[in-house]
């Protein structure tokens, strides 16, 4: 299976967010989750959904990125 550099970085970033060794804002996590879903990384995307549901986004973030779904 070929893996692009973008996917490799996204997977590493997602793992860092999930285990708490990295931090990101709501929008970053939503965008990363969407990318992982498009790439078929359903497990990491699901874990990011659990993470993003614990976040308290500002109204501007919600209007720009939408709710976690």
C-alpha atoms as a PDB file:
ATOM      1  CA  UNK A   1       0.000   0.000   0.000  1.00  0.00           C
ATOM      2  CA  UNK A   2       1.433   3.346  -1.009  1.00  0.00           C
ATOM      3  CA  UNK A   3       1.176   6.136   1.506  1.00  0.00           C
ATOM      4  CA  UNK A   4       1.656   9.764   0.633  1.00  0.00           C
ATOM      5  CA  UNK A   5       3.725  12.025   2.827  1.00  0.00           C
ATOM      6  CA  UNK A   6       0.580  14.032   3.544  1.00  0.00           C
ATOM      7  CA  UNK A   7      -1.200  10.938   4.842  1.00  0.00           C
ATOM      8  CA  UNK A   8       1.802   9.874   6.927  1.00  0.00           C
ATOM      9  CA  UNK A   9       1.970  13.322   8.552  1.00  0.00           C
ATOM     10  CA  UNK A  10      -1.799  13.378   9.098  1.00  0.00           C
ATOM     11  CA  UNK A  11      -1.712   9.976  10.804  1.00  0.00           C
ATOM     12  CA  UNK A  12       1.147  11.026  13.069  1.00  0.00           C
ATOM     13  CA  UNK A  13      -0.573  14.292  13.920  1.00  0.00           C
ATOM     14  CA  UNK A  14      -3.828  12.508  14.717  1.00  0.00           C
ATOM     15  CA  UNK A  15      -2.040  10.082  17.035  1.00  0.00           C
ATOM     16  CA  UNK A  16      -0.347  12.978  18.815  1.00  0.00           C
ATOM     17  CA  UNK A  17      -3.677  14.737  19.323  1.00  0.00           C
ATOM     18  CA  UNK A  18      -5.396  11.590  20.528  1.00  0.00           C
ATOM     19  CA  UNK A  19      -2.715  10.696  23.078  1.00  0.00           C
ATOM     20  CA  UNK A  20      -2.408  14.295  24.278  1.00  0.00           C
ATOM     21  CA  UNK A  21       1.169  14.983  23.198  1.00  0.00           C
ATOM     22  CA  UNK A  22      -0.002  17.639  20.711  1.00  0.00           C
ATOM     23  CA  UNK A  23      -2.651  20.332  20.776  1.00  0.00           C
ATOM     24  CA  UNK A  24      -4.745  21.926  18.060  1.00  0.00           C
ATOM     25  CA  UNK A  25      -7.796  24.110  17.790  1.00  0.00           C
ATOM     26  CA  UNK A  26     -11.239  22.920  16.797  1.00  0.00           C
ATOM     27  CA  UNK A  27     -10.865  23.797  13.131  1.00  0.00           C
ATOM     28  CA  UNK A  28      -7.578  21.945  12.778  1.00  0.00           C
ATOM     29  CA  UNK A  29      -9.039  18.781  14.266  1.00  0.00           C
ATOM     30  CA  UNK A  30     -12.150  18.972  12.068  1.00  0.00           C
ATOM     31  CA  UNK A  31     -10.045  19.453   8.903  1.00  0.00           C
ATOM     32  CA  UNK A  32      -7.706  16.628   9.883  1.00  0.00           C
ATOM     33  CA  UNK A  33     -10.661  14.334  10.567  1.00  0.00           C
ATOM     34  CA  UNK A  34     -12.208  15.113   7.176  1.00  0.00           C
ATOM     35  CA  UNK A  35      -8.919  14.365   5.432  1.00  0.00           C
ATOM     36  CA  UNK A  36      -8.524  11.058   7.252  1.00  0.00           C
ATOM     37  CA  UNK A  37     -12.086  10.071   6.354  1.00  0.00           C
ATOM     38  CA  UNK A  38     -11.386  10.775   2.664  1.00  0.00           C
ATOM     39  CA  UNK A  39      -8.253   8.629   2.896  1.00  0.00           C
ATOM     40  CA  UNK A  40     -10.114   5.727   4.519  1.00  0.00           C
ATOM     41  CA  UNK A  41      -8.505   6.050   7.961  1.00  0.00           C
ATOM     42  CA  UNK A  42     -11.768   5.410   9.777  1.00  0.00           C
ATOM     43  CA  UNK A  43     -10.265   4.388  13.126  1.00  0.00           C
ATOM     44  CA  UNK A  44      -8.229   7.557  13.535  1.00  0.00           C
ATOM     45  CA  UNK A  45     -11.113   9.677  12.246  1.00  0.00           C
ATOM     46  CA  UNK A  46     -13.425   8.125  14.835  1.00  0.00           C
ATOM     47  CA  UNK A  47     -10.943   8.780  17.626  1.00  0.00           C
ATOM     48  CA  UNK A  48     -10.642  12.400  16.479  1.00  0.00           C
ATOM     49  CA  UNK A  49     -14.427  12.705  16.564  1.00  0.00           C
ATOM     50  CA  UNK A  50     -14.404  11.609  20.193  1.00  0.00           C
ATOM     51  CA  UNK A  51     -11.696  14.211  20.879  1.00  0.00           C
ATOM     52  CA  UNK A  52     -13.445  17.045  19.055  1.00  0.00           C
ATOM     53  CA  UNK A  53     -16.699  16.396  20.908  1.00  0.00           C
ATOM     54  CA  UNK A  54     -14.873  17.239  24.145  1.00  0.00           C
ATOM     55  CA  UNK A  55     -13.789  20.619  22.771  1.00  0.00           C
ATOM     56  CA  UNK A  56     -15.675  23.872  23.265  1.00  0.00           C
ATOM     57  CA  UNK A  57     -15.439  25.736  19.971  1.00  0.00           C
ATOM     58  CA  UNK A  58     -16.083  29.443  19.671  1.00  0.00           C
ATOM     59  CA  UNK A  59     -19.127  30.584  17.722  1.00  0.00           C
ATOM     60  CA  UNK A  60     -16.902  31.670  14.834  1.00  0.00           C
ATOM     61  CA  UNK A  61     -15.332  28.203  14.640  1.00  0.00           C
ATOM     62  CA  UNK A  62     -18.742  26.559  14.621  1.00  0.00           C
ATOM     63  CA  UNK A  63     -19.972  28.806  11.827  1.00  0.00           C
ATOM     64  CA  UNK A  64     -16.833  28.173   9.763  1.00  0.00           C
ATOM     65  CA  UNK A  65     -16.339  24.422  10.326  1.00  0.00           C
ATOM     66  CA  UNK A  66     -19.753  23.269  11.518  1.00  0.00           C
ATOM     67  CA  UNK A  67     -20.501  21.005  14.448  1.00  0.00           C
ATOM     68  CA  UNK A  68     -18.682  17.753  15.039  1.00  0.00           C
ATOM     69  CA  UNK A  69     -20.794  15.094  13.390  1.00  0.00           C
END
